[in-house]
Amino acid sequence: FISLDDADHLLSETKDSEYAGNIIGMW
């Protein structure tokens, strides 16, 4: 499980979606 902290549901902020993508890639 990884918390996306203060991201909104749609990952509207670029930094949030890029973070999610990089975390998945590392995982």
mmCIF file of all heavy atoms, coordinates in Angstrom:
data_MODEL
# 
_entry.id   MODEL 
# 
loop_
_atom_site.group_PDB 
_atom_site.id 
_atom_site.type_symbol 
_atom_site.label_atom_id 
_atom_site.label_alt_id 
_atom_site.label_comp_id 
_atom_site.label_asym_id 
_atom_site.label_entity_id 
_atom_site.label_seq_id 
_atom_site.pdbx_PDB_ins_code 
_atom_site.Cartn_x 
_atom_site.Cartn_y 
_atom_site.Cartn_z 
_atom_site.occupancy 
_atom_site.B_iso_or_equiv 
_atom_site.pdbx_formal_charge 
_atom_site.auth_seq_id 
_atom_site.auth_comp_id 
_atom_site.auth_asym_id 
_atom_site.auth_atom_id 
_atom_site.pdbx_PDB_model_num 
ATOM 1   N N   . PHE A 1 1  ? 0.847   -1.188 0.000   1.00 0.00 ? 1  PHE A N   1 
ATOM 2   C CA  . PHE A 1 1  ? 0.000   0.000  0.000   1.00 0.00 ? 1  PHE A CA  1 
ATOM 3   C C   . PHE A 1 1  ? 0.883   1.238  0.000   1.00 0.00 ? 1  PHE A C   1 
ATOM 4   O O   . PHE A 1 1  ? 1.855   1.320  0.754   1.00 0.00 ? 1  PHE A O   1 
ATOM 5   C CB  . PHE A 1 1  ? -0.921  0.046  1.222   1.00 0.00 ? 1  PHE A CB  1 
ATOM 6   C CG  . PHE A 1 1  ? -1.655  1.365  1.358   1.00 0.00 ? 1  PHE A CG  1 
ATOM 7   C CD1 . PHE A 1 1  ? -2.745  1.649  0.551   1.00 0.00 ? 1  PHE A CD1 1 
ATOM 8   C CD2 . PHE A 1 1  ? -1.215  2.336  2.255   1.00 0.00 ? 1  PHE A CD2 1 
ATOM 9   C CE1 . PHE A 1 1  ? -3.399  2.870  0.637   1.00 0.00 ? 1  PHE A CE1 1 
ATOM 10  C CE2 . PHE A 1 1  ? -1.866  3.554  2.365   1.00 0.00 ? 1  PHE A CE2 1 
ATOM 11  C CZ  . PHE A 1 1  ? -2.964  3.820  1.546   1.00 0.00 ? 1  PHE A CZ  1 
ATOM 12  N N   . ILE A 1 2  ? 0.540   2.202  -0.843  1.00 0.00 ? 2  ILE A N   1 
ATOM 13  C CA  . ILE A 1 2  ? 1.246   3.481  -0.903  1.00 0.00 ? 2  ILE A CA  1 
ATOM 14  C C   . ILE A 1 2  ? 0.223   4.604  -0.780  1.00 0.00 ? 2  ILE A C   1 
ATOM 15  O O   . ILE A 1 2  ? -0.762  4.645  -1.518  1.00 0.00 ? 2  ILE A O   1 
ATOM 16  C CB  . ILE A 1 2  ? 2.022   3.650  -2.228  1.00 0.00 ? 2  ILE A CB  1 
ATOM 17  C CG1 . ILE A 1 2  ? 3.159   2.635  -2.316  1.00 0.00 ? 2  ILE A CG1 1 
ATOM 18  C CG2 . ILE A 1 2  ? 2.571   5.068  -2.364  1.00 0.00 ? 2  ILE A CG2 1 
ATOM 19  C CD1 . ILE A 1 2  ? 4.291   2.872  -1.349  1.00 0.00 ? 2  ILE A CD1 1 
ATOM 20  N N   . SER A 1 3  ? 0.464   5.500  0.156   1.00 0.00 ? 3  SER A N   1 
ATOM 21  C CA  . SER A 1 3  ? -0.412  6.657  0.318   1.00 0.00 ? 3  SER A CA  1 
ATOM 22  C C   . SER A 1 3  ? -0.053  7.727  -0.712  1.00 0.00 ? 3  SER A C   1 
ATOM 23  O O   . SER A 1 3  ? 1.126   8.007  -0.955  1.00 0.00 ? 3  SER A O   1 
ATOM 24  C CB  . SER A 1 3  ? -0.263  7.242  1.726   1.00 0.00 ? 3  SER A CB  1 
ATOM 25  O OG  . SER A 1 3  ? -0.943  8.474  1.830   1.00 0.00 ? 3  SER A OG  1 
ATOM 26  N N   . LEU A 1 4  ? -1.065  8.317  -1.321  1.00 0.00 ? 4  LEU A N   1 
ATOM 27  C CA  . LEU A 1 4  ? -0.853  9.404  -2.280  1.00 0.00 ? 4  LEU A CA  1 
ATOM 28  C C   . LEU A 1 4  ? -1.011  10.767 -1.612  1.00 0.00 ? 4  LEU A C   1 
ATOM 29  O O   . LEU A 1 4  ? -1.257  11.784 -2.277  1.00 0.00 ? 4  LEU A O   1 
ATOM 30  C CB  . LEU A 1 4  ? -1.827  9.262  -3.454  1.00 0.00 ? 4  LEU A CB  1 
ATOM 31  C CG  . LEU A 1 4  ? -1.601  8.004  -4.307  1.00 0.00 ? 4  LEU A CG  1 
ATOM 32  C CD1 . LEU A 1 4  ? -2.658  7.897  -5.398  1.00 0.00 ? 4  LEU A CD1 1 
ATOM 33  C CD2 . LEU A 1 4  ? -0.210  8.015  -4.925  1.00 0.00 ? 4  LEU A CD2 1 
ATOM 34  N N   . ASP A 1 5  ? -0.900  10.769 -0.311  1.00 0.00 ? 5  ASP A N   1 
ATOM 35  C CA  . ASP A 1 5  ? -0.877  11.993 0.495   1.00 0.00 ? 5  ASP A CA  1 
ATOM 36  C C   . ASP A 1 5  ? -2.047  12.917 0.172   1.00 0.00 ? 5  ASP A C   1 
ATOM 37  O O   . ASP A 1 5  ? -3.192  12.526 0.301   1.00 0.00 ? 5  ASP A O   1 
ATOM 38  C CB  . ASP A 1 5  ? 0.472   12.693 0.328   1.00 0.00 ? 5  ASP A CB  1 
ATOM 39  C CG  . ASP A 1 5  ? 1.631   11.813 0.769   1.00 0.00 ? 5  ASP A CG  1 
ATOM 40  O OD1 . ASP A 1 5  ? 1.422   10.995 1.687   1.00 0.00 ? 5  ASP A OD1 1 
ATOM 41  O OD2 . ASP A 1 5  ? 2.724   11.916 0.200   1.00 0.00 ? 5  ASP A OD2 1 
ATOM 42  N N   . ASP A 1 6  ? -1.767  14.144 -0.282  1.00 0.00 ? 6  ASP A N   1 
ATOM 43  C CA  . ASP A 1 6  ? -2.831  15.128 -0.477  1.00 0.00 ? 6  ASP A CA  1 
ATOM 44  C C   . ASP A 1 6  ? -3.345  15.184 -1.916  1.00 0.00 ? 6  ASP A C   1 
ATOM 45  O O   . ASP A 1 6  ? -4.003  16.149 -2.314  1.00 0.00 ? 6  ASP A O   1 
ATOM 46  C CB  . ASP A 1 6  ? -2.349  16.523 -0.053  1.00 0.00 ? 6  ASP A CB  1 
ATOM 47  C CG  . ASP A 1 6  ? -1.109  16.975 -0.822  1.00 0.00 ? 6  ASP A CG  1 
ATOM 48  O OD1 . ASP A 1 6  ? -0.538  16.155 -1.578  1.00 0.00 ? 6  ASP A OD1 1 
ATOM 49  O OD2 . ASP A 1 6  ? -0.706  18.142 -0.661  1.00 0.00 ? 6  ASP A OD2 1 
ATOM 50  N N   . ALA A 1 7  ? -3.090  14.162 -2.703  1.00 0.00 ? 7  ALA A N   1 
ATOM 51  C CA  . ALA A 1 7  ? -3.584  14.136 -4.088  1.00 0.00 ? 7  ALA A CA  1 
ATOM 52  C C   . ALA A 1 7  ? -5.104  14.019 -4.095  1.00 0.00 ? 7  ALA A C   1 
ATOM 53  O O   . ALA A 1 7  ? -5.701  13.440 -3.182  1.00 0.00 ? 7  ALA A O   1 
ATOM 54  C CB  . ALA A 1 7  ? -2.976  12.952 -4.835  1.00 0.00 ? 7  ALA A CB  1 
ATOM 55  N N   . ASP A 1 8  ? -5.747  14.587 -5.130  1.00 0.00 ? 8  ASP A N   1 
ATOM 56  C CA  . ASP A 1 8  ? -7.185  14.407 -5.260  1.00 0.00 ? 8  ASP A CA  1 
ATOM 57  C C   . ASP A 1 8  ? -7.468  13.111 -6.014  1.00 0.00 ? 8  ASP A C   1 
ATOM 58  O O   . ASP A 1 8  ? -6.557  12.431 -6.486  1.00 0.00 ? 8  ASP A O   1 
ATOM 59  C CB  . ASP A 1 8  ? -7.847  15.608 -5.950  1.00 0.00 ? 8  ASP A CB  1 
ATOM 60  C CG  . ASP A 1 8  ? -7.332  15.865 -7.360  1.00 0.00 ? 8  ASP A CG  1 
ATOM 61  O OD1 . ASP A 1 8  ? -6.828  14.921 -8.009  1.00 0.00 ? 8  ASP A OD1 1 
ATOM 62  O OD2 . ASP A 1 8  ? -7.437  17.005 -7.832  1.00 0.00 ? 8  ASP A OD2 1 
ATOM 63  N N   . HIS A 1 9  ? -8.741  12.753 -6.123  1.00 0.00 ? 9  HIS A N   1 
ATOM 64  C CA  . HIS A 1 9  ? -9.107  11.467 -6.710  1.00 0.00 ? 9  HIS A CA  1 
ATOM 65  C C   . HIS A 1 9  ? -8.634  11.333 -8.158  1.00 0.00 ? 9  HIS A C   1 
ATOM 66  O O   . HIS A 1 9  ? -8.210  10.249 -8.584  1.00 0.00 ? 9  HIS A O   1 
ATOM 67  C CB  . HIS A 1 9  ? -10.623 11.269 -6.638  1.00 0.00 ? 9  HIS A CB  1 
ATOM 68  C CG  . HIS A 1 9  ? -11.075 9.959  -7.208  1.00 0.00 ? 9  HIS A CG  1 
ATOM 69  N ND1 . HIS A 1 9  ? -10.781 8.743  -6.618  1.00 0.00 ? 9  HIS A ND1 1 
ATOM 70  C CD2 . HIS A 1 9  ? -11.786 9.662  -8.340  1.00 0.00 ? 9  HIS A CD2 1 
ATOM 71  C CE1 . HIS A 1 9  ? -11.288 7.767  -7.338  1.00 0.00 ? 9  HIS A CE1 1 
ATOM 72  N NE2 . HIS A 1 9  ? -11.904 8.287  -8.391  1.00 0.00 ? 9  HIS A NE2 1 
ATOM 73  N N   . LEU A 1 10 ? -8.711  12.418 -8.918  1.00 0.00 ? 10 LEU A N   1 
ATOM 74  C CA  . LEU A 1 10 ? -8.361  12.360 -10.337 1.00 0.00 ? 10 LEU A CA  1 
ATOM 75  C C   . LEU A 1 10 ? -6.879  12.588 -10.601 1.00 0.00 ? 10 LEU A C   1 
ATOM 76  O O   . LEU A 1 10 ? -6.451  12.605 -11.753 1.00 0.00 ? 10 LEU A O   1 
ATOM 77  C CB  . LEU A 1 10 ? -9.189  13.396 -11.113 1.00 0.00 ? 10 LEU A CB  1 
ATOM 78  C CG  . LEU A 1 10 ? -10.703 13.155 -11.135 1.00 0.00 ? 10 LEU A CG  1 
ATOM 79  C CD1 . LEU A 1 10 ? -11.390 14.280 -11.908 1.00 0.00 ? 10 LEU A CD1 1 
ATOM 80  C CD2 . LEU A 1 10 ? -11.029 11.807 -11.771 1.00 0.00 ? 10 LEU A CD2 1 
ATOM 81  N N   . LEU A 1 11 ? -6.083  12.755 -9.542  1.00 0.00 ? 11 LEU A N   1 
ATOM 82  C CA  . LEU A 1 11 ? -4.649  13.048 -9.698  1.00 0.00 ? 11 LEU A CA  1 
ATOM 83  C C   . LEU A 1 11 ? -4.461  14.223 -10.643 1.00 0.00 ? 11 LEU A C   1 
ATOM 84  O O   . LEU A 1 11 ? -3.688  14.170 -11.605 1.00 0.00 ? 11 LEU A O   1 
ATOM 85  C CB  . LEU A 1 11 ? -3.891  11.815 -10.214 1.00 0.00 ? 11 LEU A CB  1 
ATOM 86  C CG  . LEU A 1 11 ? -4.002  10.532 -9.395  1.00 0.00 ? 11 LEU A CG  1 
ATOM 87  C CD1 . LEU A 1 11 ? -3.121  9.437  -10.001 1.00 0.00 ? 11 LEU A CD1 1 
ATOM 88  C CD2 . LEU A 1 11 ? -3.604  10.761 -7.949  1.00 0.00 ? 11 LEU A CD2 1 
ATOM 89  N N   . SER A 1 12 ? -5.177  15.302 -10.351 1.00 0.00 ? 12 SER A N   1 
ATOM 90  C CA  . SER A 1 12 ? -5.182  16.468 -11.229 1.00 0.00 ? 12 SER A CA  1 
ATOM 91  C C   . SER A 1 12 ? -3.821  17.139 -11.340 1.00 0.00 ? 12 SER A C   1 
ATOM 92  O O   . SER A 1 12 ? -3.486  17.718 -12.372 1.00 0.00 ? 12 SER A O   1 
ATOM 93  C CB  . SER A 1 12 ? -6.213  17.494 -10.733 1.00 0.00 ? 12 SER A CB  1 
ATOM 94  O OG  . SER A 1 12 ? -7.495  16.914 -10.663 1.00 0.00 ? 12 SER A OG  1 
ATOM 95  N N   . GLU A 1 13 ? -3.046  17.075 -10.263 1.00 0.00 ? 13 GLU A N   1 
ATOM 96  C CA  . GLU A 1 13 ? -1.717  17.678 -10.274 1.00 0.00 ? 13 GLU A CA  1 
ATOM 97  C C   . GLU A 1 13 ? -0.731  16.742 -10.970 1.00 0.00 ? 13 GLU A C   1 
ATOM 98  O O   . GLU A 1 13 ? -0.666  15.553 -10.659 1.00 0.00 ? 13 GLU A O   1 
ATOM 99  C CB  . GLU A 1 13 ? -1.236  17.959 -8.849  1.00 0.00 ? 13 GLU A CB  1 
ATOM 100 C CG  . GLU A 1 13 ? -2.058  18.998 -8.102  1.00 0.00 ? 13 GLU A CG  1 
ATOM 101 C CD  . GLU A 1 13 ? -1.801  20.406 -8.617  1.00 0.00 ? 13 GLU A CD  1 
ATOM 102 O OE1 . GLU A 1 13 ? -0.715  20.640 -9.184  1.00 0.00 ? 13 GLU A OE1 1 
ATOM 103 O OE2 . GLU A 1 13 ? -2.695  21.255 -8.465  1.00 0.00 ? 13 GLU A OE2 1 
ATOM 104 N N   . THR A 1 14 ? 0.020   17.298 -11.903 1.00 0.00 ? 14 THR A N   1 
ATOM 105 C CA  . THR A 1 14 ? 1.004   16.504 -12.651 1.00 0.00 ? 14 THR A CA  1 
ATOM 106 C C   . THR A 1 14 ? 1.960   15.772 -11.724 1.00 0.00 ? 14 THR A C   1 
ATOM 107 O O   . THR A 1 14 ? 2.298   14.607 -11.939 1.00 0.00 ? 14 THR A O   1 
ATOM 108 C CB  . THR A 1 14 ? 1.790   17.399 -13.620 1.00 0.00 ? 14 THR A CB  1 
ATOM 109 O OG1 . THR A 1 14 ? 0.878   17.975 -14.564 1.00 0.00 ? 14 THR A OG1 1 
ATOM 110 C CG2 . THR A 1 14 ? 2.849   16.600 -14.370 1.00 0.00 ? 14 THR A CG2 1 
ATOM 111 N N   . LYS A 1 15 ? 2.391   16.453 -10.670 1.00 0.00 ? 15 LYS A N   1 
ATOM 112 C CA  . LYS A 1 15 ? 3.356   15.830 -9.744  1.00 0.00 ? 15 LYS A CA  1 
ATOM 113 C C   . LYS A 1 15 ? 2.793   14.562 -9.099  1.00 0.00 ? 15 LYS A C   1 
ATOM 114 O O   . LYS A 1 15 ? 3.542   13.620 -8.809  1.00 0.00 ? 15 LYS A O   1 
ATOM 115 C CB  . LYS A 1 15 ? 3.781   16.831 -8.671  1.00 0.00 ? 15 LYS A CB  1 
ATOM 116 C CG  . LYS A 1 15 ? 2.657   17.309 -7.763  1.00 0.00 ? 15 LYS A CG  1 
ATOM 117 C CD  . LYS A 1 15 ? 3.165   18.308 -6.730  1.00 0.00 ? 15 LYS A CD  1 
ATOM 118 C CE  . LYS A 1 15 ? 2.042   18.830 -5.845  1.00 0.00 ? 15 LYS A CE  1 
ATOM 119 N NZ  . LYS A 1 15 ? 1.449   17.790 -4.997  1.00 0.00 ? 15 LYS A NZ  1 
ATOM 120 N N   . ASP A 1 16 ? 1.479   14.547 -8.892  1.00 0.00 ? 16 ASP A N   1 
ATOM 121 C CA  . ASP A 1 16 ? 0.865   13.376 -8.254  1.00 0.00 ? 16 ASP A CA  1 
ATOM 122 C C   . ASP A 1 16 ? 0.805   12.180 -9.200  1.00 0.00 ? 16 ASP A C   1 
ATOM 123 O O   . ASP A 1 16 ? 1.103   11.049 -8.807  1.00 0.00 ? 16 ASP A O   1 
ATOM 124 C CB  . ASP A 1 16 ? -0.539  13.720 -7.761  1.00 0.00 ? 16 ASP A CB  1 
ATOM 125 C CG  . ASP A 1 16 ? -0.530  14.738 -6.631  1.00 0.00 ? 16 ASP A CG  1 
ATOM 126 O OD1 . ASP A 1 16 ? 0.407   14.689 -5.816  1.00 0.00 ? 16 ASP A OD1 1 
ATOM 127 O OD2 . ASP A 1 16 ? -1.447  15.569 -6.572  1.00 0.00 ? 16 ASP A OD2 1 
ATOM 128 N N   . SER A 1 17 ? 0.416   12.420 -10.451 1.00 0.00 ? 17 SER A N   1 
ATOM 129 C CA  . SER A 1 17 ? 0.331   11.309 -11.403 1.00 0.00 ? 17 SER A CA  1 
ATOM 130 C C   . SER A 1 17 ? 1.718   10.804 -11.782 1.00 0.00 ? 17 SER A C   1 
ATOM 131 O O   . SER A 1 17 ? 1.922   9.598  -11.963 1.00 0.00 ? 17 SER A O   1 
ATOM 132 C CB  . SER A 1 17 ? -0.452  11.729 -12.656 1.00 0.00 ? 17 SER A CB  1 
ATOM 133 O OG  . SER A 1 17 ? 0.086   12.894 -13.235 1.00 0.00 ? 17 SER A OG  1 
ATOM 134 N N   . GLU A 1 18 ? 2.691   11.693 -11.895 1.00 0.00 ? 18 GLU A N   1 
ATOM 135 C CA  . GLU A 1 18 ? 4.055   11.251 -12.197 1.00 0.00 ? 18 GLU A CA  1 
ATOM 136 C C   . GLU A 1 18 ? 4.629   10.452 -11.026 1.00 0.00 ? 18 GLU A C   1 
ATOM 137 O O   . GLU A 1 18 ? 5.326   9.449  -11.231 1.00 0.00 ? 18 GLU A O   1 
ATOM 138 C CB  . GLU A 1 18 ? 4.949   12.452 -12.511 1.00 0.00 ? 18 GLU A CB  1 
ATOM 139 C CG  . GLU A 1 18 ? 4.623   13.105 -13.846 1.00 0.00 ? 18 GLU A CG  1 
ATOM 140 C CD  . GLU A 1 18 ? 5.593   14.196 -14.204 1.00 0.00 ? 18 GLU A CD  1 
ATOM 141 O OE1 . GLU A 1 18 ? 6.239   14.746 -13.281 1.00 0.00 ? 18 GLU A OE1 1 
ATOM 142 O OE2 . GLU A 1 18 ? 5.718   14.513 -15.401 1.00 0.00 ? 18 GLU A OE2 1 
ATOM 143 N N   . TYR A 1 19 ? 4.329   10.893 -9.814  1.00 0.00 ? 19 TYR A N   1 
ATOM 144 C CA  . TYR A 1 19 ? 4.770   10.148 -8.627  1.00 0.00 ? 19 TYR A CA  1 
ATOM 145 C C   . TYR A 1 19 ? 4.168   8.745  -8.633  1.00 0.00 ? 19 TYR A C   1 
ATOM 146 O O   . TYR A 1 19 ? 4.875   7.754  -8.407  1.00 0.00 ? 19 TYR A O   1 
ATOM 147 C CB  . TYR A 1 19 ? 4.346   10.912 -7.371  1.00 0.00 ? 19 TYR A CB  1 
ATOM 148 C CG  . TYR A 1 19 ? 4.548   10.148 -6.083  1.00 0.00 ? 19 TYR A CG  1 
ATOM 149 C CD1 . TYR A 1 19 ? 5.816   10.015 -5.521  1.00 0.00 ? 19 TYR A CD1 1 
ATOM 150 C CD2 . TYR A 1 19 ? 3.468   9.574  -5.404  1.00 0.00 ? 19 TYR A CD2 1 
ATOM 151 C CE1 . TYR A 1 19 ? 6.013   9.323  -4.336  1.00 0.00 ? 19 TYR A CE1 1 
ATOM 152 C CE2 . TYR A 1 19 ? 3.650   8.883  -4.216  1.00 0.00 ? 19 TYR A CE2 1 
ATOM 153 C CZ  . TYR A 1 19 ? 4.916   8.766  -3.683  1.00 0.00 ? 19 TYR A CZ  1 
ATOM 154 O OH  . TYR A 1 19 ? 5.110   8.074  -2.509  1.00 0.00 ? 19 TYR A OH  1 
ATOM 155 N N   . ALA A 1 20 ? 2.878   8.671  -8.909  1.00 0.00 ? 20 ALA A N   1 
ATOM 156 C CA  . ALA A 1 20 ? 2.205   7.368  -8.940  1.00 0.00 ? 20 ALA A CA  1 
ATOM 157 C C   . ALA A 1 20 ? 2.837   6.465  -9.991  1.00 0.00 ? 20 ALA A C   1 
ATOM 158 O O   . ALA A 1 20 ? 3.103   5.276  -9.738  1.00 0.00 ? 20 ALA A O   1 
ATOM 159 C CB  . ALA A 1 20 ? 0.714   7.553  -9.224  1.00 0.00 ? 20 ALA A CB  1 
ATOM 160 N N   . GLY A 1 21 ? 3.085   7.006  -11.177 1.00 0.00 ? 21 GLY A N   1 
ATOM 161 C CA  . GLY A 1 21 ? 3.698   6.210  -12.243 1.00 0.00 ? 21 GLY A CA  1 
ATOM 162 C C   . GLY A 1 21 ? 5.079   5.708  -11.880 1.00 0.00 ? 21 GLY A C   1 
ATOM 163 O O   . GLY A 1 21 ? 5.431   4.554  -12.143 1.00 0.00 ? 21 GLY A O   1 
ATOM 164 N N   . ASN A 1 22 ? 5.879   6.574  -11.272 1.00 0.00 ? 22 ASN A N   1 
ATOM 165 C CA  . ASN A 1 22 ? 7.242   6.181  -10.897 1.00 0.00 ? 22 ASN A CA  1 
ATOM 166 C C   . ASN A 1 22 ? 7.241   5.148  -9.773  1.00 0.00 ? 22 ASN A C   1 
ATOM 167 O O   . ASN A 1 22 ? 8.065   4.227  -9.761  1.00 0.00 ? 22 ASN A O   1 
ATOM 168 C CB  . ASN A 1 22 ? 8.049   7.413  -10.477 1.00 0.00 ? 22 ASN A CB  1 
ATOM 169 C CG  . ASN A 1 22 ? 8.423   8.290  -11.655 1.00 0.00 ? 22 ASN A CG  1 
ATOM 170 O OD1 . ASN A 1 22 ? 8.652   7.796  -12.752 1.00 0.00 ? 22 ASN A OD1 1 
ATOM 171 N ND2 . ASN A 1 22 ? 8.476   9.594  -11.444 1.00 0.00 ? 22 ASN A ND2 1 
ATOM 172 N N   . ILE A 1 23 ? 6.308   5.289  -8.831  1.00 0.00 ? 23 ILE A N   1 
ATOM 173 C CA  . ILE A 1 23 ? 6.214   4.315  -7.741  1.00 0.00 ? 23 ILE A CA  1 
ATOM 174 C C   . ILE A 1 23 ? 5.831   2.943  -8.300  1.00 0.00 ? 23 ILE A C   1 
ATOM 175 O O   . ILE A 1 23 ? 6.404   1.912  -7.913  1.00 0.00 ? 23 ILE A O   1 
ATOM 176 C CB  . ILE A 1 23 ? 5.188   4.768  -6.685  1.00 0.00 ? 23 ILE A CB  1 
ATOM 177 C CG1 . ILE A 1 23 ? 5.750   5.938  -5.873  1.00 0.00 ? 23 ILE A CG1 1 
ATOM 178 C CG2 . ILE A 1 23 ? 4.822   3.614  -5.762  1.00 0.00 ? 23 ILE A CG2 1 
ATOM 179 C CD1 . ILE A 1 23 ? 6.941   5.595  -5.004  1.00 0.00 ? 23 ILE A CD1 1 
ATOM 180 N N   . ILE A 1 24 ? 4.866   2.918  -9.212  1.00 0.00 ? 24 ILE A N   1 
ATOM 181 C CA  . ILE A 1 24 ? 4.465   1.639  -9.817  1.00 0.00 ? 24 ILE A CA  1 
ATOM 182 C C   . ILE A 1 24 ? 5.654   1.018  -10.542 1.00 0.00 ? 24 ILE A C   1 
ATOM 183 O O   . ILE A 1 24 ? 5.918   -0.183 -10.440 1.00 0.00 ? 24 ILE A O   1 
ATOM 184 C CB  . ILE A 1 24 ? 3.283   1.840  -10.796 1.00 0.00 ? 24 ILE A CB  1 
ATOM 185 C CG1 . ILE A 1 24 ? 2.044   2.311  -10.037 1.00 0.00 ? 24 ILE A CG1 1 
ATOM 186 C CG2 . ILE A 1 24 ? 2.973   0.523  -11.525 1.00 0.00 ? 24 ILE A CG2 1 
ATOM 187 C CD1 . ILE A 1 24 ? 0.899   2.745  -10.935 1.00 0.00 ? 24 ILE A CD1 1 
ATOM 188 N N   . GLY A 1 25 ? 6.385   1.847  -11.291 1.00 0.00 ? 25 GLY A N   1 
ATOM 189 C CA  . GLY A 1 25 ? 7.546   1.348  -12.024 1.00 0.00 ? 25 GLY A CA  1 
ATOM 190 C C   . GLY A 1 25 ? 8.596   0.751  -11.103 1.00 0.00 ? 25 GLY A C   1 
ATOM 191 O O   . GLY A 1 25 ? 9.138   -0.329 -11.370 1.00 0.00 ? 25 GLY A O   1 
ATOM 192 N N   . MET A 1 26 ? 8.885   1.435  -10.000 1.00 0.00 ? 26 MET A N   1 
ATOM 193 C CA  . MET A 1 26 ? 9.860   0.920  -9.036  1.00 0.00 ? 26 MET A CA  1 
ATOM 194 C C   . MET A 1 26 ? 9.362   -0.368 -8.396  1.00 0.00 ? 26 MET A C   1 
ATOM 195 O O   . MET A 1 26 ? 10.123  -1.318 -8.201  1.00 0.00 ? 26 MET A O   1 
ATOM 196 C CB  . MET A 1 26 ? 10.117  1.980  -7.953  1.00 0.00 ? 26 MET A CB  1 
ATOM 197 C CG  . MET A 1 26 ? 10.864  3.206  -8.453  1.00 0.00 ? 26 MET A CG  1 
ATOM 198 S SD  . MET A 1 26 ? 12.560  2.823  -8.971  1.00 0.00 ? 26 MET A SD  1 
ATOM 199 C CE  . MET A 1 26 ? 13.270  2.370  -7.398  1.00 0.00 ? 26 MET A CE  1 
ATOM 200 N N   . TRP A 1 27 ? 8.066   -0.397 -8.080  1.00 0.00 ? 27 TRP A N   1 
ATOM 201 C CA  . TRP A 1 27 ? 7.477   -1.580 -7.441  1.00 0.00 ? 27 TRP A CA  1 
ATOM 202 C C   . TRP A 1 27 ? 7.563   -2.806 -8.340  1.00 0.00 ? 27 TRP A C   1 
ATOM 203 O O   . TRP A 1 27 ? 7.834   -3.921 -7.866  1.00 0.00 ? 27 TRP A O   1 
ATOM 204 C CB  . TRP A 1 27 ? 6.024   -1.257 -7.084  1.00 0.00 ? 27 TRP A CB  1 
ATOM 205 C CG  . TRP A 1 27 ? 5.225   -2.408 -6.562  1.00 0.00 ? 27 TRP A CG  1 
ATOM 206 C CD1 . TRP A 1 27 ? 5.242   -2.946 -5.311  1.00 0.00 ? 27 TRP A CD1 1 
ATOM 207 C CD2 . TRP A 1 27 ? 4.237   -3.160 -7.298  1.00 0.00 ? 27 TRP A CD2 1 
ATOM 208 N NE1 . TRP A 1 27 ? 4.344   -3.985 -5.212  1.00 0.00 ? 27 TRP A NE1 1 
ATOM 209 C CE2 . TRP A 1 27 ? 3.709   -4.140 -6.409  1.00 0.00 ? 27 TRP A CE2 1 
ATOM 210 C CE3 . TRP A 1 27 ? 3.752   -3.101 -8.602  1.00 0.00 ? 27 TRP A CE3 1 
ATOM 211 C CZ2 . TRP A 1 27 ? 2.730   -5.047 -6.805  1.00 0.00 ? 27 TRP A CZ2 1 
ATOM 212 C CZ3 . TRP A 1 27 ? 2.773   -3.994 -8.993  1.00 0.00 ? 27 TRP A CZ3 1 
ATOM 213 C CH2 . TRP A 1 27 ? 2.274   -4.955 -8.106  1.00 0.00 ? 27 TRP A CH2 1 
# 
